[in-house]
C-alpha atoms as a PDB file:
ATOM      1  CA  MET A   1       5.474   0.576  -2.768  1.00  0.00           C
ATOM      2  CA  ARG A   2       8.445   2.195  -0.994  1.00  0.00           C
ATOM      3  CA  VAL A   3      10.369   4.739  -3.087  1.00  0.00           C
ATOM      4  CA  LEU A   4      13.535   6.737  -2.403  1.00  0.00           C
ATOM      5  CA  VAL A   5      13.871  10.038  -4.282  1.00  0.00           C
ATOM      6  CA  ALA A   6      17.529  11.115  -4.439  1.00  0.00           C
ATOM      7  CA  GLU A   7      17.576  14.603  -5.964  1.00  0.00           C
ATOM      8  CA  ASP A   8      19.665  17.622  -4.927  1.00  0.00           C
ATOM      9  CA  HIS A   9      17.184  20.183  -6.262  1.00  0.00           C
ATOM     10  CA  ALA A  10      15.073  20.555  -3.106  1.00  0.00           C
ATOM     11  CA  LYS A  11      11.977  22.010  -4.789  1.00  0.00           C
ATOM     12  CA  LEU A  12      11.901  19.334  -7.485  1.00  0.00           C
ATOM     13  CA  ALA A  13      12.509  16.564  -4.945  1.00  0.00           C
ATOM     14  CA  THR A  14       9.680  17.801  -2.731  1.00  0.00           C
ATOM     15  CA  THR A  15       7.291  18.170  -5.672  1.00  0.00           C
ATOM     16  CA  VAL A  16       8.068  14.671  -6.958  1.00  0.00           C
ATOM     17  CA  ALA A  17       7.713  13.155  -3.482  1.00  0.00           C
ATOM     18  CA  GLU A  18       4.352  14.821  -2.864  1.00  0.00           C
ATOM     19  CA  GLY A  19       3.056  13.628  -6.234  1.00  0.00           C
ATOM     20  CA  LEU A  20       4.208  10.052  -5.659  1.00  0.00           C
ATOM     21  CA  ARG A  21       2.559  10.042  -2.232  1.00  0.00           C
ATOM     22  CA  ARG A  22      -0.695  11.138  -3.855  1.00  0.00           C
ATOM     23  CA  ALA A  23      -0.233   8.159  -6.193  1.00  0.00           C
ATOM     24  CA  GLY A  24      -0.231   5.876  -3.156  1.00  0.00           C
ATOM     25  CA  MET A  25       3.502   5.377  -2.643  1.00  0.00           C
ATOM     26  CA  ALA A  26       5.560   5.724   0.535  1.00  0.00           C
ATOM     27  CA  VAL A  27       8.387   8.134  -0.273  1.00  0.00           C
ATOM     28  CA  ASP A  28      11.613   9.162   1.441  1.00  0.00           C
ATOM     29  CA  VAL A  29      13.764  12.024   0.122  1.00  0.00           C
ATOM     30  CA  VAL A  30      17.525  12.623   0.221  1.00  0.00           C
ATOM     31  CA  PHE A  31      19.581  15.384  -1.358  1.00  0.00           C
ATOM     32  CA  ASP A  32      23.049  13.849  -1.783  1.00  0.00           C
ATOM     33  CA  GLY A  33      24.658  10.568  -2.726  1.00  0.00           C
ATOM     34  CA  ALA A  34      26.054   9.675   0.687  1.00  0.00           C
ATOM     35  CA  ASP A  35      22.614   9.978   2.250  1.00  0.00           C
ATOM     36  CA  ALA A  36      21.151   7.872  -0.568  1.00  0.00           C
ATOM     37  CA  LEU A  37      23.597   5.052   0.186  1.00  0.00           C
ATOM     38  CA  GLU A  38      22.888   5.314   3.905  1.00  0.00           C
ATOM     39  CA  HIS A  39      19.135   5.039   3.331  1.00  0.00           C
ATOM     40  CA  THR A  40      19.374   2.102   0.920  1.00  0.00           C
ATOM     41  CA  ALA A  41      21.629   0.266   3.374  1.00  0.00           C
ATOM     42  CA  SER A  42      19.033   0.480   6.147  1.00  0.00           C
ATOM     43  CA  THR A  43      15.724   0.360   4.228  1.00  0.00           C
ATOM     44  CA  GLU A  44      14.528  -1.978   1.472  1.00  0.00           C
ATOM     45  CA  TYR A  45      13.179   0.198  -1.332  1.00  0.00           C
ATOM     46  CA  ASP A  46      11.228  -1.009  -4.335  1.00  0.00           C
ATOM     47  CA  VAL A  47      12.450   1.825  -6.569  1.00  0.00           C
ATOM     48  CA  VAL A  48      15.172   4.467  -6.271  1.00  0.00           C
ATOM     49  CA  VAL A  49      14.573   7.600  -8.360  1.00  0.00           C
ATOM     50  CA  LEU A  50      18.187   8.695  -8.721  1.00  0.00           C
ATOM     51  CA  ASP A  51      19.449  12.054  -9.953  1.00  0.00           C
ATOM     52  CA  ARG A  52      22.652  11.337 -11.832  1.00  0.00           C
ATOM     53  CA  ASP A  53      24.347  14.574 -10.784  1.00  0.00           C
ATOM     54  CA  LEU A  54      24.147  14.233  -7.006  1.00  0.00           C
ATOM     55  CA  PRO A  55      26.692  16.101  -4.861  1.00  0.00           C
ATOM     56  CA  GLY A  56      29.058  14.292  -2.509  1.00  0.00           C
ATOM     57  CA  VAL A  57      28.858  10.766  -3.864  1.00  0.00           C
ATOM     58  CA  HIS A  58      27.965  11.072  -7.556  1.00  0.00           C
ATOM     59  CA  GLY A  59      24.801   9.419  -8.781  1.00  0.00           C
ATOM     60  CA  ASP A  60      26.852   7.139 -11.030  1.00  0.00           C
ATOM     61  CA  GLU A  61      28.719   5.808  -8.003  1.00  0.00           C
ATOM     62  CA  VAL A  62      25.468   5.354  -6.069  1.00  0.00           C
ATOM     63  CA  CYS A  63      24.117   3.299  -8.977  1.00  0.00           C
ATOM     64  CA  ARG A  64      27.281   1.174  -9.209  1.00  0.00           C
ATOM     65  CA  THR A  65      27.228   0.526  -5.460  1.00  0.00           C
ATOM     66  CA  LEU A  66      23.573  -0.553  -5.445  1.00  0.00           C
ATOM     67  CA  VAL A  67      24.074  -2.867  -8.431  1.00  0.00           C
ATOM     68  CA  ALA A  68      27.300  -4.353  -7.019  1.00  0.00           C
ATOM     69  CA  GLY A  69      25.576  -4.989  -3.692  1.00  0.00           C
ATOM     70  CA  ASP A  70      22.665  -6.806  -5.368  1.00  0.00           C
ATOM     71  CA  SER A  71      20.189  -4.262  -4.066  1.00  0.00           C
ATOM     72  CA  PRO A  72      16.591  -5.377  -4.732  1.00  0.00           C
ATOM     73  CA  ALA A  73      15.654  -1.797  -5.649  1.00  0.00           C
ATOM     74  CA  ARG A  74      14.954  -0.905  -9.249  1.00  0.00           C
ATOM     75  CA  ILE A  75      16.858   2.221 -10.312  1.00  0.00           C
ATOM     76  CA  LEU A  76      15.262   4.960 -12.397  1.00  0.00           C
ATOM     77  CA  MET A  77      17.967   7.484 -13.256  1.00  0.00           C
ATOM     78  CA  LEU A  78      17.148  11.153 -13.843  1.00  0.00           C
ATOM     79  CA  THR A  79      19.430  13.642 -15.563  1.00  0.00           C
ATOM     80  CA  GLY A  80      19.448  16.937 -17.419  1.00  0.00           C
ATOM     81  CA  ALA A  81      21.544  15.328 -20.179  1.00  0.00           C
ATOM     82  CA  ARG A  82      19.342  14.367 -23.096  1.00  0.00           C
ATOM     83  CA  THR A  83      21.642  12.722 -25.681  1.00  0.00           C
ATOM     84  CA  VAL A  84      21.380   9.072 -26.681  1.00  0.00           C
ATOM     85  CA  GLY A  85      24.967   8.592 -25.526  1.00  0.00           C
ATOM     86  CA  ASP A  86      24.098   9.791 -22.039  1.00  0.00           C
ATOM     87  CA  ARG A  87      21.156   7.403 -21.846  1.00  0.00           C
ATOM     88  CA  ILE A  88      23.289   4.497 -23.027  1.00  0.00           C
ATOM     89  CA  GLU A  89      25.939   5.346 -20.449  1.00  0.00           C
ATOM     90  CA  GLY A  90      23.397   5.589 -17.637  1.00  0.00           C
ATOM     91  CA  LEU A  91      21.818   2.240 -18.500  1.00  0.00           C
ATOM     92  CA  GLY A  92      25.301   0.776 -18.800  1.00  0.00           C
ATOM     93  CA  LEU A  93      25.897   1.601 -15.145  1.00  0.00           C
ATOM     94  CA  GLY A  94      23.105  -0.799 -14.234  1.00  0.00           C
ATOM     95  CA  ALA A  95      20.113   1.538 -14.056  1.00  0.00           C
ATOM     96  CA  ASP A  96      16.808  -0.131 -14.950  1.00  0.00           C
ATOM     97  CA  ASP A  97      15.378   2.939 -16.663  1.00  0.00           C
ATOM     98  CA  TYR A  98      16.446   6.448 -17.622  1.00  0.00           C
ATOM     99  CA  LEU A  99      14.350   9.626 -17.809  1.00  0.00           C
ATOM    100  CA  PRO A 100      15.758  12.970 -18.998  1.00  0.00           C
ATOM    101  CA  LYS A 101      14.719  16.266 -17.388  1.00  0.00           C
ATOM    102  CA  PRO A 102      12.388  18.011 -17.802  1.00  0.00           C
ATOM    103  CA  PHE A 103       9.899  15.153 -17.646  1.00  0.00           C
ATOM    104  CA  ASP A 104       6.149  14.698 -17.489  1.00  0.00           C
ATOM    105  CA  PHE A 105       5.117  13.613 -13.999  1.00  0.00           C
ATOM    106  CA  GLY A 106       2.565  11.147 -15.334  1.00  0.00           C
ATOM    107  CA  GLU A 107       5.319   9.438 -17.304  1.00  0.00           C
ATOM    108  CA  LEU A 108       7.491   9.223 -14.181  1.00  0.00           C
ATOM    109  CA  VAL A 109       4.688   7.464 -12.263  1.00  0.00           C
ATOM    110  CA  ALA A 110       4.041   5.121 -15.203  1.00  0.00           C
ATOM    111  CA  ARG A 111       7.731   4.221 -15.459  1.00  0.00           C
ATOM    112  CA  ILE A 112       7.982   3.519 -11.721  1.00  0.00           C
ATOM    113  CA  ARG A 113       4.969   1.207 -11.887  1.00  0.00           C
ATOM    114  CA  ALA A 114       6.344  -0.450 -15.027  1.00  0.00           C
ATOM    115  CA  LEU A 115       9.573  -1.235 -13.178  1.00  0.00           C
ATOM    116  CA  MET A 116       7.558  -3.023 -10.519  1.00  0.00           C
ATOM    117  CA  ARG A 117       5.902  -5.202 -13.178  1.00  0.00           C
ATOM    118  CA  ARG A 118       9.175  -6.498 -14.610  1.00  0.00           C
ATOM    119  CA  PRO A 119      10.168 -10.143 -14.016  1.00  0.00           C
ATOM    120  CA  GLY A 120      11.244 -10.591 -10.428  1.00  0.00           C
ATOM    121  CA  ALA A 121       9.181  -7.658  -9.222  1.00  0.00           C
ATOM    122  CA  SER A 122       7.018  -8.251  -6.209  1.00  0.00           C
ATOM    123  CA  LEU A 123       3.541  -7.525  -7.580  1.00  0.00           C
ATOM    124  CA  PRO A 124       1.580  -8.143 -10.792  1.00  0.00           C
ATOM    125  CA  PRO A 125      -0.462  -5.250 -12.253  1.00  0.00           C
ATOM    126  CA  THR A 126      -3.776  -6.667 -10.988  1.00  0.00           C
ATOM    127  CA  LEU A 127      -4.298  -8.349  -7.620  1.00  0.00           C
ATOM    128  CA  SER A 128      -7.428 -10.285  -6.712  1.00  0.00           C
ATOM    129  CA  HIS A 129      -9.043 -12.388  -4.000  1.00  0.00           C
ATOM    130  CA  ARG A 130     -12.516 -13.821  -4.525  1.00  0.00           C
ATOM    131  CA  ASP A 131     -14.696 -10.870  -5.628  1.00  0.00           C
ATOM    132  CA  LEU A 132     -12.087  -8.262  -4.610  1.00  0.00           C
ATOM    133  CA  GLN A 133      -9.800  -6.765  -7.260  1.00  0.00           C
ATOM    134  CA  LEU A 134      -7.125  -4.077  -7.166  1.00  0.00           C
ATOM    135  CA  ASP A 135      -5.706  -2.474 -10.307  1.00  0.00           C
ATOM    136  CA  SER A 136      -2.294  -1.219  -9.148  1.00  0.00           C
ATOM    137  CA  ALA A 137      -1.701   0.988 -12.198  1.00  0.00           C
ATOM    138  CA  ARG A 138      -5.069   2.759 -12.045  1.00  0.00           C
ATOM    139  CA  ARG A 139      -5.095   2.791  -8.228  1.00  0.00           C
ATOM    140  CA  GLN A 140      -8.611   1.429  -8.289  1.00  0.00           C
ATOM    141  CA  ALA A 141     -10.179  -1.288  -6.145  1.00  0.00           C
ATOM    142  CA  THR A 142     -13.501  -3.006  -6.758  1.00  0.00           C
ATOM    143  CA  ARG A 143     -15.582  -5.569  -4.905  1.00  0.00           C
ATOM    144  CA  ALA A 144     -18.277  -7.509  -6.695  1.00  0.00           C
ATOM    145  CA  GLY A 145     -17.777  -5.116  -9.588  1.00  0.00           C
ATOM    146  CA  LYS A 146     -18.419  -2.006  -7.488  1.00  0.00           C
ATOM    147  CA  GLU A 147     -15.655   0.578  -7.150  1.00  0.00           C
ATOM    148  CA  LEU A 148     -14.463   1.217  -3.596  1.00  0.00           C
ATOM    149  CA  ALA A 149     -13.776   4.772  -2.410  1.00  0.00           C
ATOM    150  CA  LEU A 150     -10.349   4.096  -0.892  1.00  0.00           C
ATOM    151  CA  ASN A 151      -7.804   6.799  -0.089  1.00  0.00           C
ATOM    152  CA  PRO A 152      -4.109   6.311  -1.072  1.00  0.00           C
ATOM    153  CA  LYS A 153      -3.059   4.771   2.275  1.00  0.00           C
ATOM    154  CA  GLU A 154      -6.018   2.355   2.284  1.00  0.00           C
ATOM    155  CA  LEU A 155      -5.204   1.313  -1.279  1.00  0.00           C
ATOM    156  CA  ALA A 156      -1.543   0.801  -0.369  1.00  0.00           C
ATOM    157  CA  VAL A 157      -2.389  -1.330   2.687  1.00  0.00           C
ATOM    158  CA  LEU A 158      -4.759  -3.453   0.595  1.00  0.00           C
ATOM    159  CA  GLU A 159      -2.064  -3.813  -2.077  1.00  0.00           C
ATOM    160  CA  VAL A 160       0.460  -5.127   0.472  1.00  0.00           C
ATOM    161  CA  LEU A 161      -2.045  -7.586   1.960  1.00  0.00           C
ATOM    162  CA  LEU A 162      -3.185  -8.906  -1.428  1.00  0.00           C
ATOM    163  CA  GLY A 163       0.422  -9.122  -2.598  1.00  0.00           C
ATOM    164  CA  ALA A 164       1.280 -11.277   0.414  1.00  0.00           C
ATOM    165  CA  GLY A 165      -1.017 -13.989  -0.940  1.00  0.00           C
ATOM    166  CA  GLY A 166      -2.561 -14.937   2.391  1.00  0.00           C
ATOM    167  CA  ALA A 167       0.639 -14.680   4.430  1.00  0.00           C
ATOM    168  CA  VAL A 168       0.516 -12.705   7.667  1.00  0.00           C
ATOM    169  CA  VAL A 169       1.761  -9.113   7.420  1.00  0.00           C
ATOM    170  CA  SER A 170       2.728  -7.461  10.693  1.00  0.00           C
ATOM    171  CA  SER A 171       1.888  -3.884  11.677  1.00  0.00           C
ATOM    172  CA  GLU A 172       5.620  -3.138  11.544  1.00  0.00           C
ATOM    173  CA  GLN A 173       5.842  -4.412   7.968  1.00  0.00           C
ATOM    174  CA  LEU A 174       2.834  -2.319   6.937  1.00  0.00           C
ATOM    175  CA  LEU A 175       4.389   0.747   8.540  1.00  0.00           C
ATOM    176  CA  GLU A 176       7.609   0.037   6.650  1.00  0.00           C
ATOM    177  CA  ARG A 177       5.960  -0.526   3.253  1.00  0.00           C
ATOM    178  CA  VAL A 178       3.140   2.036   3.274  1.00  0.00           C
ATOM    179  CA  TRP A 179       4.364   4.934   5.423  1.00  0.00           C
ATOM    180  CA  ASP A 180       7.618   6.868   4.984  1.00  0.00           C
ATOM    181  CA  GLU A 181      10.373   7.561   7.502  1.00  0.00           C
ATOM    182  CA  GLN A 182       8.465  10.518   8.955  1.00  0.00           C
ATOM    183  CA  ALA A 183       5.800   8.186  10.348  1.00  0.00           C
ATOM    184  CA  ASP A 184       5.733   7.759  14.120  1.00  0.00           C
ATOM    185  CA  PRO A 185       6.304   4.019  14.809  1.00  0.00           C
ATOM    186  CA  PHE A 186       4.257   4.335  18.006  1.00  0.00           C
ATOM    187  CA  SER A 187       1.252   5.908  16.337  1.00  0.00           C
ATOM    188  CA  GLN A 188      -2.093   4.224  15.704  1.00  0.00           C
ATOM    189  CA  ALA A 189      -1.822   4.882  11.960  1.00  0.00           C
ATOM    190  CA  VAL A 190      -1.913   1.220  10.916  1.00  0.00           C
ATOM    191  CA  ARG A 191      -4.802   0.302  13.222  1.00  0.00           C
ATOM    192  CA  THR A 192      -6.829   3.376  12.208  1.00  0.00           C
ATOM    193  CA  THR A 193      -6.275   2.806   8.487  1.00  0.00           C
ATOM    194  CA  MET A 194      -7.098  -0.896   8.849  1.00  0.00           C
ATOM    195  CA  SER A 195     -10.363  -0.076  10.617  1.00  0.00           C
ATOM    196  CA  ARG A 196     -11.434   2.308   7.840  1.00  0.00           C
ATOM    197  CA  LEU A 197     -10.380  -0.153   5.134  1.00  0.00           C
ATOM    198  CA  ARG A 198     -12.393  -2.986   6.663  1.00  0.00           C
ATOM    199  CA  ALA A 199     -15.466  -0.790   6.876  1.00  0.00           C
ATOM    200  CA  LYS A 200     -15.165   0.175   3.204  1.00  0.00           C
ATOM    201  CA  LEU A 201     -14.563  -3.405   2.059  1.00  0.00           C
ATOM    202  CA  GLY A 202     -17.828  -4.483   3.700  1.00  0.00           C
ATOM    203  CA  ASP A 203     -19.090  -8.007   4.324  1.00  0.00           C
ATOM    204  CA  PRO A 204     -18.170 -10.761   4.316  1.00  0.00           C
ATOM    205  CA  PRO A 205     -14.849  -9.706   5.902  1.00  0.00           C
ATOM    206  CA  VAL A 206     -11.696 -10.445   3.888  1.00  0.00           C
ATOM    207  CA  ILE A 207      -9.044  -9.132   6.314  1.00  0.00           C
ATOM    208  CA  GLU A 208      -8.310 -11.336   9.297  1.00  0.00           C
ATOM    209  CA  THR A 209      -6.446 -10.216  12.426  1.00  0.00           C
ATOM    210  CA  VAL A 210      -3.927 -12.800  13.638  1.00  0.00           C
ATOM    211  CA  ALA A 211      -3.332 -12.342  17.359  1.00  0.00           C
ATOM    212  CA  ARG A 212       0.095 -10.921  18.203  1.00  0.00           C
ATOM    213  CA  SER A 213       1.185 -11.361  14.563  1.00  0.00           C
ATOM    214  CA  GLY A 214      -0.611  -9.006  12.192  1.00  0.00           C
ATOM    215  CA  TYR A 215      -3.131  -9.184   9.376  1.00  0.00           C
ATOM    216  CA  ARG A 216      -3.819 -11.350   6.346  1.00  0.00           C
ATOM    217  CA  ILE A 217      -6.263 -11.747   3.491  1.00  0.00           C
ATOM    218  CA  ALA A 218      -8.516 -14.722   4.230  1.00  0.00           C
END
């Protein structure tokens, strides 16, 4: 899951991003509305966590622009305003969900995952292939009923591959979906993570390498 956090409070933005990464998400961070629009124009995000009171281009305008442009990203709007009227107004702009500050981090994660389970979202809550299962909400994978000790990146790679339903996923696509913009595109991160994941999944192998194309669940 690729998430953009658009929040002008640097400490809060960093804290949220670090927590979401621990939850297995790839996260980019921006601190103003113009940068948010620039990022969403060049990168396909699953969810945008959008502070309503962004400087430069206001969060309301960012939301309107994304909705008008048929952005595939779900929008979770954050604000310090807590009245029902404010929530109604925010949802009226086209936001998919609305969370007032201060908020519980666990609730934020749950709401982001709930957005991804709505109709039209890319992944169901549980993904499976033969005896392999992945519970996206609990971030837990099992094979033949036995829990697998996967780290967040390994879980995220497995989630992308299972979600592709047997289609080939390239290394570039994995880098785009699982790692954030700080990742070095020339690194061996995908290959290294794939090697560890295969070892933990055990036999018989379920991840196939397709020469010069990528990887798929088989």
